[in-house]
């Protein structure tokens, strides 16, 4: 998917995770939230499926953790006030 699905709206967890990539070098997305909890694998998986995030590199220390970065489609989505609304899971 290329992130242009106009029928899907970001959940608040997805938006919060993706927004953190806006201020990081290369759009790097965090592995943990502000409280130190691991980002939900479901959030990561859905964002990658929708094309808003993409795998960046393999984590040699924790191979089961997916290190991702924000895609151009993710940046467009976050800038779109309609798409950026938060009412889907």
PDB file of N, CA and C in Angstrom:
ATOM      1  N   UNK A   1       0.842  -1.188   0.000  1.00  0.00           N
ATOM      2  CA  UNK A   1       0.000   0.000   0.000  1.00  0.00           C
ATOM      3  C   UNK A   1       0.884   1.247   0.000  1.00  0.00           C
ATOM      4  N   UNK A   2       0.424   2.323  -0.570  1.00  0.00           N
ATOM      5  CA  UNK A   2       1.269   3.513  -0.708  1.00  0.00           C
ATOM      6  C   UNK A   2       0.907   4.629   0.250  1.00  0.00           C
ATOM      7  N   UNK A   3       0.020   4.376   1.199  1.00  0.00           N
ATOM      8  CA  UNK A   3      -0.332   5.392   2.177  1.00  0.00           C
ATOM      9  C   UNK A   3      -1.405   6.350   1.710  1.00  0.00           C
ATOM     10  N   UNK A   4      -1.961   6.133   0.514  1.00  0.00           N
ATOM     11  CA  UNK A   4      -2.946   7.070  -0.024  1.00  0.00           C
ATOM     12  C   UNK A   4      -4.382   6.611   0.194  1.00  0.00           C
ATOM     13  N   UNK A   5      -4.604   5.596   1.006  1.00  0.00           N
ATOM     14  CA  UNK A   5      -5.950   5.102   1.285  1.00  0.00           C
ATOM     15  C   UNK A   5      -6.713   6.159   2.071  1.00  0.00           C
ATOM     16  N   UNK A   6      -7.613   6.863   1.415  1.00  0.00           N
ATOM     17  CA  UNK A   6      -8.319   7.987   2.034  1.00  0.00           C
ATOM     18  C   UNK A   6      -9.402   7.517   3.009  1.00  0.00           C
ATOM     19  N   UNK A   7      -9.715   6.197   3.035  1.00  0.00           N
ATOM     20  CA  UNK A   7     -10.778   5.724   3.910  1.00  0.00           C
ATOM     21  C   UNK A   7     -10.266   5.371   5.304  1.00  0.00           C
ATOM     22  N   UNK A   8      -8.967   5.316   5.497  1.00  0.00           N
ATOM     23  CA  UNK A   8      -8.410   4.934   6.786  1.00  0.00           C
ATOM     24  C   UNK A   8      -7.906   6.160   7.519  1.00  0.00           C
ATOM     25  N   UNK A   9      -8.247   6.245   8.782  1.00  0.00           N
ATOM     26  CA  UNK A   9      -7.767   7.344   9.614  1.00  0.00           C
ATOM     27  C   UNK A   9      -6.808   6.785  10.661  1.00  0.00           C
ATOM     28  N   UNK A  10      -5.827   7.564  10.987  1.00  0.00           N
ATOM     29  CA  UNK A  10      -4.847   7.172  11.989  1.00  0.00           C
ATOM     30  C   UNK A  10      -5.476   7.021  13.371  1.00  0.00           C
ATOM     31  N   UNK A  11      -5.011   6.030  14.118  1.00  0.00           N
ATOM     32  CA  UNK A  11      -5.383   5.962  15.530  1.00  0.00           C
ATOM     33  C   UNK A  11      -4.484   6.950  16.265  1.00  0.00           C
ATOM     34  N   UNK A  12      -4.841   7.280  17.480  1.00  0.00           N
ATOM     35  CA  UNK A  12      -4.002   8.208  18.240  1.00  0.00           C
ATOM     36  C   UNK A  12      -2.620   7.605  18.491  1.00  0.00           C
ATOM     37  N   UNK A  13      -2.542   6.291  18.720  1.00  0.00           N
ATOM     38  CA  UNK A  13      -1.242   5.641  18.947  1.00  0.00           C
ATOM     39  C   UNK A  13      -0.380   5.693  17.688  1.00  0.00           C
ATOM     40  N   UNK A  14      -0.992   5.470  16.528  1.00  0.00           N
ATOM     41  CA  UNK A  14      -0.253   5.542  15.262  1.00  0.00           C
ATOM     42  C   UNK A  14       0.257   6.954  15.015  1.00  0.00           C
ATOM     43  N   UNK A  15      -0.617   7.932  15.205  1.00  0.00           N
ATOM     44  CA  UNK A  15      -0.228   9.328  14.979  1.00  0.00           C
ATOM     45  C   UNK A  15       0.919   9.719  15.909  1.00  0.00           C
ATOM     46  N   UNK A  16       0.795   9.393  17.182  1.00  0.00           N
ATOM     47  CA  UNK A  16       1.816   9.766  18.152  1.00  0.00           C
ATOM     48  C   UNK A  16       3.168   9.161  17.768  1.00  0.00           C
ATOM     49  N   UNK A  17       3.166   7.891  17.360  1.00  0.00           N
ATOM     50  CA  UNK A  17       4.414   7.230  16.972  1.00  0.00           C
ATOM     51  C   UNK A  17       5.003   7.871  15.721  1.00  0.00           C
ATOM     52  N   UNK A  18       4.175   8.055  14.694  1.00  0.00           N
ATOM     53  CA  UNK A  18       4.667   8.638  13.441  1.00  0.00           C
ATOM     54  C   UNK A  18       5.164  10.070  13.633  1.00  0.00           C
ATOM     55  N   UNK A  19       4.474  10.860  14.433  1.00  0.00           N
ATOM     56  CA  UNK A  19       4.888  12.250  14.651  1.00  0.00           C
ATOM     57  C   UNK A  19       6.281  12.353  15.253  1.00  0.00           C
ATOM     58  N   UNK A  20       6.660  11.375  16.043  1.00  0.00           N
ATOM     59  CA  UNK A  20       7.991  11.426  16.648  1.00  0.00           C
ATOM     60  C   UNK A  20       9.088  11.337  15.589  1.00  0.00           C
ATOM     61  N   UNK A  21       8.788  10.758  14.431  1.00  0.00           N
ATOM     62  CA  UNK A  21       9.764  10.688  13.353  1.00  0.00           C
ATOM     63  C   UNK A  21      10.000  12.023  12.666  1.00  0.00           C
ATOM     64  N   UNK A  22       9.076  12.972  12.841  1.00  0.00           N
ATOM     65  CA  UNK A  22       9.222  14.275  12.189  1.00  0.00           C
ATOM     66  C   UNK A  22      10.432  15.055  12.691  1.00  0.00           C
ATOM     67  N   UNK A  23      10.839  14.809  13.915  1.00  0.00           N
ATOM     68  CA  UNK A  23      11.931  15.587  14.506  1.00  0.00           C
ATOM     69  C   UNK A  23      13.244  14.806  14.614  1.00  0.00           C
ATOM     70  N   UNK A  24      13.256  13.588  14.115  1.00  0.00           N
ATOM     71  CA  UNK A  24      14.455  12.761  14.229  1.00  0.00           C
ATOM     72  C   UNK A  24      15.236  12.717  12.917  1.00  0.00           C
ATOM     73  N   UNK A  25      16.551  12.624  12.992  1.00  0.00           N
ATOM     74  CA  UNK A  25      17.354  12.519  11.773  1.00  0.00           C
ATOM     75  C   UNK A  25      16.895  11.326  10.931  1.00  0.00           C
ATOM     76  N   UNK A  26      16.669  11.572   9.654  1.00  0.00           N
ATOM     77  CA  UNK A  26      16.245  10.521   8.743  1.00  0.00           C
ATOM     78  C   UNK A  26      14.832  10.029   8.974  1.00  0.00           C
ATOM     79  N   UNK A  27      14.102  10.660   9.877  1.00  0.00           N
ATOM     80  CA  UNK A  27      12.736  10.241  10.171  1.00  0.00           C
ATOM     81  C   UNK A  27      12.666   9.003  11.047  1.00  0.00           C
ATOM     82  N   UNK A  28      13.749   8.699  11.779  1.00  0.00           N
ATOM     83  CA  UNK A  28      13.789   7.496  12.618  1.00  0.00           C
ATOM     84  C   UNK A  28      12.626   7.491  13.598  1.00  0.00           C
ATOM     85  N   UNK A  29      11.969   6.344  13.671  1.00  0.00           N
ATOM     86  CA  UNK A  29      10.844   6.159  14.582  1.00  0.00           C
ATOM     87  C   UNK A  29      11.320   5.416  15.829  1.00  0.00           C
ATOM     88  N   UNK A  30      10.793   5.780  16.999  1.00  0.00           N
ATOM     89  CA  UNK A  30      11.283   5.201  18.246  1.00  0.00           C
ATOM     90  C   UNK A  30      10.825   3.761  18.460  1.00  0.00           C
ATOM     91  N   UNK A  31      11.604   3.046  19.234  1.00  0.00           N
ATOM     92  CA  UNK A  31      11.233   1.697  19.645  1.00  0.00           C
ATOM     93  C   UNK A  31      10.388   1.725  20.915  1.00  0.00           C
ATOM     94  N   UNK A  32      10.499   2.841  21.665  1.00  0.00           N
ATOM     95  CA  UNK A  32       9.811   2.963  22.946  1.00  0.00           C
ATOM     96  C   UNK A  32       9.043   4.282  23.008  1.00  0.00           C
ATOM     97  N   UNK A  33       7.951   4.290  23.790  1.00  0.00           N
ATOM     98  CA  UNK A  33       7.182   5.522  23.959  1.00  0.00           C
ATOM     99  C   UNK A  33       7.839   6.407  25.016  1.00  0.00           C
ATOM    100  N   UNK A  34       7.209   7.528  25.296  1.00  0.00           N
ATOM    101  CA  UNK A  34       7.758   8.491  26.260  1.00  0.00           C
ATOM    102  C   UNK A  34       7.868   7.929  27.677  1.00  0.00           C
ATOM    103  N   UNK A  35       7.115   6.872  27.965  1.00  0.00           N
ATOM    104  CA  UNK A  35       7.142   6.253  29.295  1.00  0.00           C
ATOM    105  C   UNK A  35       8.102   5.072  29.365  1.00  0.00           C
ATOM    106  N   UNK A  36       8.788   4.787  28.254  1.00  0.00           N
ATOM    107  CA  UNK A  36       9.746   3.691  28.241  1.00  0.00           C
ATOM    108  C   UNK A  36       9.165   2.339  27.874  1.00  0.00           C
ATOM    109  N   UNK A  37       7.890   2.316  27.476  1.00  0.00           N
ATOM    110  CA  UNK A  37       7.265   1.064  27.049  1.00  0.00           C
ATOM    111  C   UNK A  37       7.507   0.848  25.562  1.00  0.00           C
ATOM    112  N   UNK A  38       7.699  -0.422  25.192  1.00  0.00           N
ATOM    113  CA  UNK A  38       7.916  -0.766  23.789  1.00  0.00           C
ATOM    114  C   UNK A  38       6.676  -0.382  22.974  1.00  0.00           C
ATOM    115  N   UNK A  39       6.901   0.215  21.808  1.00  0.00           N
ATOM    116  CA  UNK A  39       5.791   0.557  20.910  1.00  0.00           C
ATOM    117  C   UNK A  39       5.092  -0.733  20.508  1.00  0.00           C
ATOM    118  N   UNK A  40       3.786  -0.710  20.495  1.00  0.00           N
ATOM    119  CA  UNK A  40       3.004  -1.897  20.152  1.00  0.00           C
ATOM    120  C   UNK A  40       3.379  -2.413  18.764  1.00  0.00           C
ATOM    121  N   UNK A  41       3.697  -3.705  18.655  1.00  0.00           N
ATOM    122  CA  UNK A  41       3.988  -4.269  17.335  1.00  0.00           C
ATOM    123  C   UNK A  41       2.823  -4.098  16.353  1.00  0.00           C
ATOM    124  N   UNK A  42       1.576  -4.061  16.856  1.00  0.00           N
ATOM    125  CA  UNK A  42       0.427  -3.852  15.980  1.00  0.00           C
ATOM    126  C   UNK A  42       0.454  -2.460  15.351  1.00  0.00           C
ATOM    127  N   UNK A  43       0.869  -1.459  16.123  1.00  0.00           N
ATOM    128  CA  UNK A  43       0.991  -0.089  15.602  1.00  0.00           C
ATOM    129  C   UNK A  43       2.052  -0.055  14.509  1.00  0.00           C
ATOM    130  N   UNK A  44       3.207  -0.627  14.795  1.00  0.00           N
ATOM    131  CA  UNK A  44       4.296  -0.647  13.819  1.00  0.00           C
ATOM    132  C   UNK A  44       3.862  -1.379  12.552  1.00  0.00           C
ATOM    133  N   UNK A  45       3.283  -2.566  12.718  1.00  0.00           N
ATOM    134  CA  UNK A  45       2.875  -3.387  11.573  1.00  0.00           C
ATOM    135  C   UNK A  45       1.874  -2.655  10.680  1.00  0.00           C
ATOM    136  N   UNK A  46       0.858  -2.038  11.288  1.00  0.00           N
ATOM    137  CA  UNK A  46      -0.168  -1.344  10.499  1.00  0.00           C
ATOM    138  C   UNK A  46       0.430  -0.154   9.747  1.00  0.00           C
ATOM    139  N   UNK A  47       1.302   0.593  10.408  1.00  0.00           N
ATOM    140  CA  UNK A  47       1.921   1.754   9.754  1.00  0.00           C
ATOM    141  C   UNK A  47       2.808   1.319   8.583  1.00  0.00           C
ATOM    142  N   UNK A  48       3.513   0.203   8.738  1.00  0.00           N
ATOM    143  CA  UNK A  48       4.332  -0.315   7.639  1.00  0.00           C
ATOM    144  C   UNK A  48       3.427  -0.811   6.511  1.00  0.00           C
ATOM    145  N   UNK A  49       2.369  -1.552   6.853  1.00  0.00           N
ATOM    146  CA  UNK A  49       1.426  -2.047   5.839  1.00  0.00           C
ATOM    147  C   UNK A  49       0.814  -0.908   5.028  1.00  0.00           C
ATOM    148  N   UNK A  50       0.512   0.199   5.698  1.00  0.00           N
ATOM    149  CA  UNK A  50      -0.130   1.329   5.031  1.00  0.00           C
ATOM    150  C   UNK A  50       0.869   2.197   4.261  1.00  0.00           C
ATOM    151  N   UNK A  51       2.164   1.934   4.439  1.00  0.00           N
ATOM    152  CA  UNK A  51       3.180   2.699   3.726  1.00  0.00           C
ATOM    153  C   UNK A  51       3.580   3.995   4.403  1.00  0.00           C
ATOM    154  N   UNK A  52       3.193   4.177   5.673  1.00  0.00           N
ATOM    155  CA  UNK A  52       3.520   5.401   6.409  1.00  0.00           C
ATOM    156  C   UNK A  52       4.878   5.306   7.079  1.00  0.00           C
ATOM    157  N   UNK A  53       5.341   4.082   7.281  1.00  0.00           N
ATOM    158  CA  UNK A  53       6.654   3.811   7.867  1.00  0.00           C
ATOM    159  C   UNK A  53       7.258   2.666   7.075  1.00  0.00           C
ATOM    160  N   UNK A  54       8.581   2.560   7.139  1.00  0.00           N
ATOM    161  CA  UNK A  54       9.245   1.454   6.457  1.00  0.00           C
ATOM    162  C   UNK A  54      10.417   0.976   7.295  1.00  0.00           C
ATOM    163  N   UNK A  55      10.733  -0.315   7.179  1.00  0.00           N
ATOM    164  CA  UNK A  55      11.904  -0.812   7.903  1.00  0.00           C
ATOM    165  C   UNK A  55      13.142  -0.053   7.459  1.00  0.00           C
ATOM    166  N   UNK A  56      13.997   0.260   8.423  1.00  0.00           N
ATOM    167  CA  UNK A  56      15.192   1.030   8.130  1.00  0.00           C
ATOM    168  C   UNK A  56      16.420   0.142   8.122  1.00  0.00           C
ATOM    169  N   UNK A  57      16.621  -0.584   9.207  1.00  0.00           N
ATOM    170  CA  UNK A  57      17.749  -1.506   9.273  1.00  0.00           C
ATOM    171  C   UNK A  57      17.468  -2.565  10.323  1.00  0.00           C
ATOM    172  N   UNK A  58      18.210  -3.656  10.243  1.00  0.00           N
ATOM    173  CA  UNK A  58      18.067  -4.727  11.220  1.00  0.00           C
ATOM    174  C   UNK A  58      18.784  -4.336  12.503  1.00  0.00           C
ATOM    175  N   UNK A  59      18.185  -4.652  13.630  1.00  0.00           N
ATOM    176  CA  UNK A  59      18.774  -4.379  14.930  1.00  0.00           C
ATOM    177  C   UNK A  59      19.553  -5.635  15.346  1.00  0.00           C
ATOM    178  N   UNK A  60      20.891  -5.598  15.301  1.00  0.00           N
ATOM    179  CA  UNK A  60      21.658  -6.804  15.603  1.00  0.00           C
ATOM    180  C   UNK A  60      21.523  -7.274  17.052  1.00  0.00           C
ATOM    181  N   UNK A  61      21.232  -6.355  17.962  1.00  0.00           N
ATOM    182  CA  UNK A  61      21.083  -6.710  19.365  1.00  0.00           C
ATOM    183  C   UNK A  61      19.732  -7.370  19.634  1.00  0.00           C
ATOM    184  N   UNK A  62      18.705  -6.876  18.978  1.00  0.00           N
ATOM    185  CA  UNK A  62      17.343  -7.393  19.151  1.00  0.00           C
ATOM    186  C   UNK A  62      16.736  -7.634  17.766  1.00  0.00           C
ATOM    187  N   UNK A  63      17.047  -8.759  17.132  1.00  0.00           N
ATOM    188  CA  UNK A  63      16.585  -8.990  15.757  1.00  0.00           C
ATOM    189  C   UNK A  63      15.062  -9.017  15.594  1.00  0.00           C
ATOM    190  N   UNK A  64      14.320  -9.235  16.686  1.00  0.00           N
ATOM    191  CA  UNK A  64      12.856  -9.246  16.592  1.00  0.00           C
ATOM    192  C   UNK A  64      12.259  -7.840  16.659  1.00  0.00           C
ATOM    193  N   UNK A  65      13.079  -6.825  16.922  1.00  0.00           N
ATOM    194  CA  UNK A  65      12.605  -5.445  16.955  1.00  0.00           C
ATOM    195  C   UNK A  65      12.795  -4.816  15.584  1.00  0.00           C
ATOM    196  N   UNK A  66      11.741  -4.220  15.076  1.00  0.00           N
ATOM    197  CA  UNK A  66      11.771  -3.610  13.757  1.00  0.00           C
ATOM    198  C   UNK A  66      12.087  -2.116  13.887  1.00  0.00           C
ATOM    199  N   UNK A  67      13.258  -1.723  13.412  1.00  0.00           N
ATOM    200  CA  UNK A  67      13.659  -0.313  13.431  1.00  0.00           C
ATOM    201  C   UNK A  67      13.127   0.317  12.141  1.00  0.00           C
ATOM    202  N   UNK A  68      12.291   1.344  12.284  1.00  0.00           N
ATOM    203  CA  UNK A  68      11.618   1.938  11.126  1.00  0.00           C
ATOM    204  C   UNK A  68      11.912   3.428  11.010  1.00  0.00           C
ATOM    205  N   UNK A  69      11.560   3.942   9.842  1.00  0.00           N
ATOM    206  CA  UNK A  69      11.628   5.382   9.615  1.00  0.00           C
ATOM    207  C   UNK A  69      10.350   5.823   8.926  1.00  0.00           C
ATOM    208  N   UNK A  70      10.048   7.083   9.061  1.00  0.00           N
ATOM    209  CA  UNK A  70       8.885   7.704   8.445  1.00  0.00           C
ATOM    210  C   UNK A  70       9.097   7.773   6.936  1.00  0.00           C
ATOM    211  N   UNK A  71       8.051   7.463   6.176  1.00  0.00           N
ATOM    212  CA  UNK A  71       8.139   7.549   4.716  1.00  0.00           C
ATOM    213  C   UNK A  71       7.601   8.895   4.245  1.00  0.00           C
ATOM    214  N   UNK A  72       7.862   9.245   2.990  1.00  0.00           N
ATOM    215  CA  UNK A  72       7.239  10.457   2.440  1.00  0.00           C
ATOM    216  C   UNK A  72       5.715  10.404   2.551  1.00  0.00           C
ATOM    217  N   UNK A  73       5.112   9.241   2.325  1.00  0.00           N
ATOM    218  CA  UNK A  73       3.653   9.117   2.450  1.00  0.00           C
ATOM    219  C   UNK A  73       3.206   9.384   3.883  1.00  0.00           C
ATOM    220  N   UNK A  74       4.013   8.953   4.855  1.00  0.00           N
ATOM    221  CA  UNK A  74       3.699   9.232   6.258  1.00  0.00           C
ATOM    222  C   UNK A  74       3.755  10.716   6.558  1.00  0.00           C
ATOM    223  N   UNK A  75       4.733  11.399   5.992  1.00  0.00           N
ATOM    224  CA  UNK A  75       4.848  12.851   6.194  1.00  0.00           C
ATOM    225  C   UNK A  75       3.638  13.576   5.597  1.00  0.00           C
ATOM    226  N   UNK A  76       3.220  13.153   4.409  1.00  0.00           N
ATOM    227  CA  UNK A  76       2.051  13.758   3.760  1.00  0.00           C
ATOM    228  C   UNK A  76       0.808  13.518   4.617  1.00  0.00           C
ATOM    229  N   UNK A  77       0.664  12.309   5.096  1.00  0.00           N
ATOM    230  CA  UNK A  77      -0.492  11.973   5.925  1.00  0.00           C
ATOM    231  C   UNK A  77      -0.553  12.847   7.176  1.00  0.00           C
ATOM    232  N   UNK A  78       0.575  13.018   7.832  1.00  0.00           N
ATOM    233  CA  UNK A  78       0.595  13.828   9.053  1.00  0.00           C
ATOM    234  C   UNK A  78       0.289  15.292   8.778  1.00  0.00           C
ATOM    235  N   UNK A  79       0.601  15.767   7.581  1.00  0.00           N
ATOM    236  CA  UNK A  79       0.331  17.155   7.221  1.00  0.00           C
ATOM    237  C   UNK A  79      -1.115  17.384   6.775  1.00  0.00           C
ATOM    238  N   UNK A  80      -1.859  16.321   6.501  1.00  0.00           N
ATOM    239  CA  UNK A  80      -3.229  16.407   5.994  1.00  0.00           C
ATOM    240  C   UNK A  80      -4.202  16.445   7.171  1.00  0.00           C
ATOM    241  N   UNK A  81      -4.928  17.551   7.347  1.00  0.00           N
ATOM    242  CA  UNK A  81      -5.817  17.659   8.501  1.00  0.00           C
ATOM    243  C   UNK A  81      -6.955  16.651   8.485  1.00  0.00           C
ATOM    244  N   UNK A  82      -7.378  16.213   7.332  1.00  0.00           N
ATOM    245  CA  UNK A  82      -8.450  15.206   7.258  1.00  0.00           C
ATOM    246  C   UNK A  82      -7.894  13.832   7.607  1.00  0.00           C
ATOM    247  N   UNK A  83      -6.802  13.447   6.938  1.00  0.00           N
ATOM    248  CA  UNK A  83      -6.187  12.147   7.199  1.00  0.00           C
ATOM    249  C   UNK A  83      -5.615  12.078   8.601  1.00  0.00           C
ATOM    250  N   UNK A  84      -5.178  13.179   9.099  1.00  0.00           N
ATOM    251  CA  UNK A  84      -4.536  13.181  10.397  1.00  0.00           C
ATOM    252  C   UNK A  84      -5.475  13.081  11.578  1.00  0.00           C
ATOM    253  N   UNK A  85      -6.788  13.065  11.344  1.00  0.00           N
ATOM    254  CA  UNK A  85      -7.701  12.958  12.472  1.00  0.00           C
ATOM    255  C   UNK A  85      -7.565  11.583  13.105  1.00  0.00           C
ATOM    256  N   UNK A  86      -7.902  11.489  14.371  1.00  0.00           N
ATOM    257  CA  UNK A  86      -7.657  10.250  15.100  1.00  0.00           C
ATOM    258  C   UNK A  86      -8.954   9.634  15.589  1.00  0.00           C
ATOM    259  N   UNK A  87      -9.531   8.756  14.752  1.00  0.00           N
ATOM    260  CA  UNK A  87     -10.753   8.089  15.211  1.00  0.00           C
ATOM    261  C   UNK A  87     -10.830   6.625  14.808  1.00  0.00           C
ATOM    262  N   UNK A  88      -9.739   6.040  14.353  1.00  0.00           N
ATOM    263  CA  UNK A  88      -9.732   4.611  14.022  1.00  0.00           C
ATOM    264  C   UNK A  88      -8.741   3.895  14.927  1.00  0.00           C
ATOM    265  N   UNK A  89      -8.957   2.616  15.102  1.00  0.00           N
ATOM    266  CA  UNK A  89      -8.049   1.815  15.951  1.00  0.00           C
ATOM    267  C   UNK A  89      -6.837   1.376  15.185  1.00  0.00           C
TER     268      UNK A  89
END
